[in-house]
Amino acid sequence: MRYLYAVFFGGALGLGSVFLHASLPPYGLLFCFLATGFGIWSVGRIWGGRVLRIMASLAWIAVVLRAGFPGISDEYLIQGSAIGSSLINFGFFVLVFAVLIPA
């Protein structure tokens, strides 16, 4: 059950990051990075284990990368601008950092 919670929590963090990254630039993007880092770190802190943080990170990556591809009517949730590219690139580094730091 902990694995399902970790995947759900990582997906919810990714969804929140997708919707908030472009609001009030650059503060929305910074808030997404902070929320993602603390959220992934707290998954390992609450339920214990690096495996759960990795699973939550993979769910975050799946949601954010899917939002970067065109949808049914060719809409993009993450634009190809500097802020959208920063969410994908720096978000990955935040995830790596959140997984590697001790819980």
Protein backbone atom coordinates (compact mmCIF):
# COMPACT_ATOMS: atom_id res chain seq x y z
CA MET A 1 0.00 0.00 0.00
CA ARG A 2 2.94 2.32 0.66
CA TYR A 3 4.01 1.90 -2.95
CA LEU A 4 0.62 3.03 -4.22
CA TYR A 5 0.68 6.04 -1.92
CA ALA A 6 4.16 6.97 -3.13
CA VAL A 7 3.11 6.75 -6.80
CA PHE A 8 -0.07 8.72 -6.13
CA PHE A 9 1.81 11.39 -4.18
CA GLY A 10 4.48 11.72 -6.89
CA GLY A 11 1.81 12.01 -9.57
CA ALA A 12 -0.04 14.65 -7.57
CA LEU A 13 3.19 16.63 -7.15
CA GLY A 14 3.79 16.39 -10.89
CA LEU A 15 0.26 17.54 -11.68
CA GLY A 16 0.62 20.49 -9.34
CA SER A 17 3.95 21.38 -10.91
CA VAL A 18 2.45 21.30 -14.40
CA PHE A 19 -0.39 23.62 -13.45
CA LEU A 20 1.63 26.05 -11.32
CA HIS A 21 4.98 26.38 -13.10
CA ALA A 22 3.86 29.16 -15.47
CA SER A 23 1.89 31.17 -12.94
CA LEU A 24 3.62 34.31 -11.68
CA PRO A 25 7.03 33.69 -13.27
CA PRO A 26 9.62 32.99 -11.83
CA TYR A 27 7.99 32.49 -8.42
CA GLY A 28 5.63 29.75 -9.60
CA LEU A 29 8.55 27.79 -10.99
CA LEU A 30 10.57 28.20 -7.78
CA PHE A 31 7.56 27.12 -5.74
CA CYS A 32 7.23 24.00 -7.90
CA PHE A 33 10.89 23.13 -7.32
CA LEU A 34 10.58 23.60 -3.56
CA ALA A 35 7.31 21.65 -3.36
CA THR A 36 8.73 18.83 -5.48
CA GLY A 37 11.93 18.57 -3.48
CA PHE A 38 10.25 18.63 -0.08
CA GLY A 39 7.42 16.38 -1.26
CA ILE A 40 9.66 13.63 -2.62
CA TRP A 41 11.92 13.89 0.43
CA SER A 42 8.90 13.62 2.75
CA VAL A 43 7.74 10.41 1.03
CA GLY A 44 10.96 8.76 2.14
CA ARG A 45 10.74 10.42 5.54
CA ILE A 46 7.16 9.31 6.26
CA TRP A 47 7.19 5.78 4.87
CA GLY A 48 10.92 5.13 4.94
CA GLY A 49 13.06 3.96 2.12
CA ARG A 50 14.76 5.27 -0.96
CA VAL A 51 12.75 2.91 -3.17
CA LEU A 52 9.57 4.81 -2.38
CA ARG A 53 11.23 8.13 -3.22
CA ILE A 54 12.38 6.67 -6.53
CA MET A 55 8.87 5.46 -7.32
CA ALA A 56 7.37 8.86 -6.47
CA SER A 57 10.04 10.51 -8.65
CA LEU A 58 9.22 8.23 -11.56
CA ALA A 59 5.53 9.11 -11.24
CA TRP A 60 6.45 12.83 -11.24
CA ILE A 61 8.58 12.35 -14.35
CA ALA A 62 5.80 10.44 -16.13
CA VAL A 63 3.24 13.17 -15.46
CA VAL A 64 5.52 16.07 -16.38
CA LEU A 65 6.87 14.47 -19.55
CA ARG A 66 3.37 13.52 -20.67
CA ALA A 67 2.27 17.12 -20.18
CA GLY A 68 5.06 18.24 -22.52
CA PHE A 69 3.65 16.24 -25.44
CA PRO A 70 0.68 17.47 -27.50
CA GLY A 71 -2.77 16.39 -26.38
CA ILE A 72 -5.83 15.37 -28.39
CA SER A 73 -6.39 18.80 -29.93
CA ASP A 74 -2.66 19.67 -30.11
CA GLU A 75 -2.52 21.65 -26.86
CA TYR A 76 0.59 21.71 -24.70
CA LEU A 77 0.43 22.02 -20.93
CA ILE A 78 4.17 22.74 -20.77
CA GLN A 79 5.25 25.23 -23.39
CA GLY A 80 8.62 25.17 -25.09
CA SER A 81 9.61 28.44 -23.41
CA ALA A 82 12.41 28.98 -20.93
CA ILE A 83 10.10 28.31 -18.00
CA GLY A 84 8.75 25.07 -19.46
CA SER A 85 12.21 23.80 -20.31
CA SER A 86 13.44 24.76 -16.85
CA LEU A 87 10.64 22.77 -15.24
CA ILE A 88 11.68 19.62 -17.05
CA ASN A 89 15.46 20.06 -16.75
CA PHE A 90 15.89 21.53 -13.28
CA GLY A 91 12.96 19.49 -11.97
CA PHE A 92 14.90 16.36 -12.82
CA PHE A 93 17.91 17.64 -10.85
CA VAL A 94 15.67 18.48 -7.89
CA LEU A 95 14.33 14.92 -7.99
CA VAL A 96 17.81 13.43 -8.05
CA PHE A 97 18.82 15.63 -5.11
CA ALA A 98 15.66 14.74 -3.16
CA VAL A 99 16.27 11.02 -3.68
CA LEU A 100 19.95 11.13 -2.74
CA ILE A 101 19.75 13.16 0.47
CA PRO A 102 19.22 11.08 3.61
CA ALA A 103 15.70 10.99 5.00
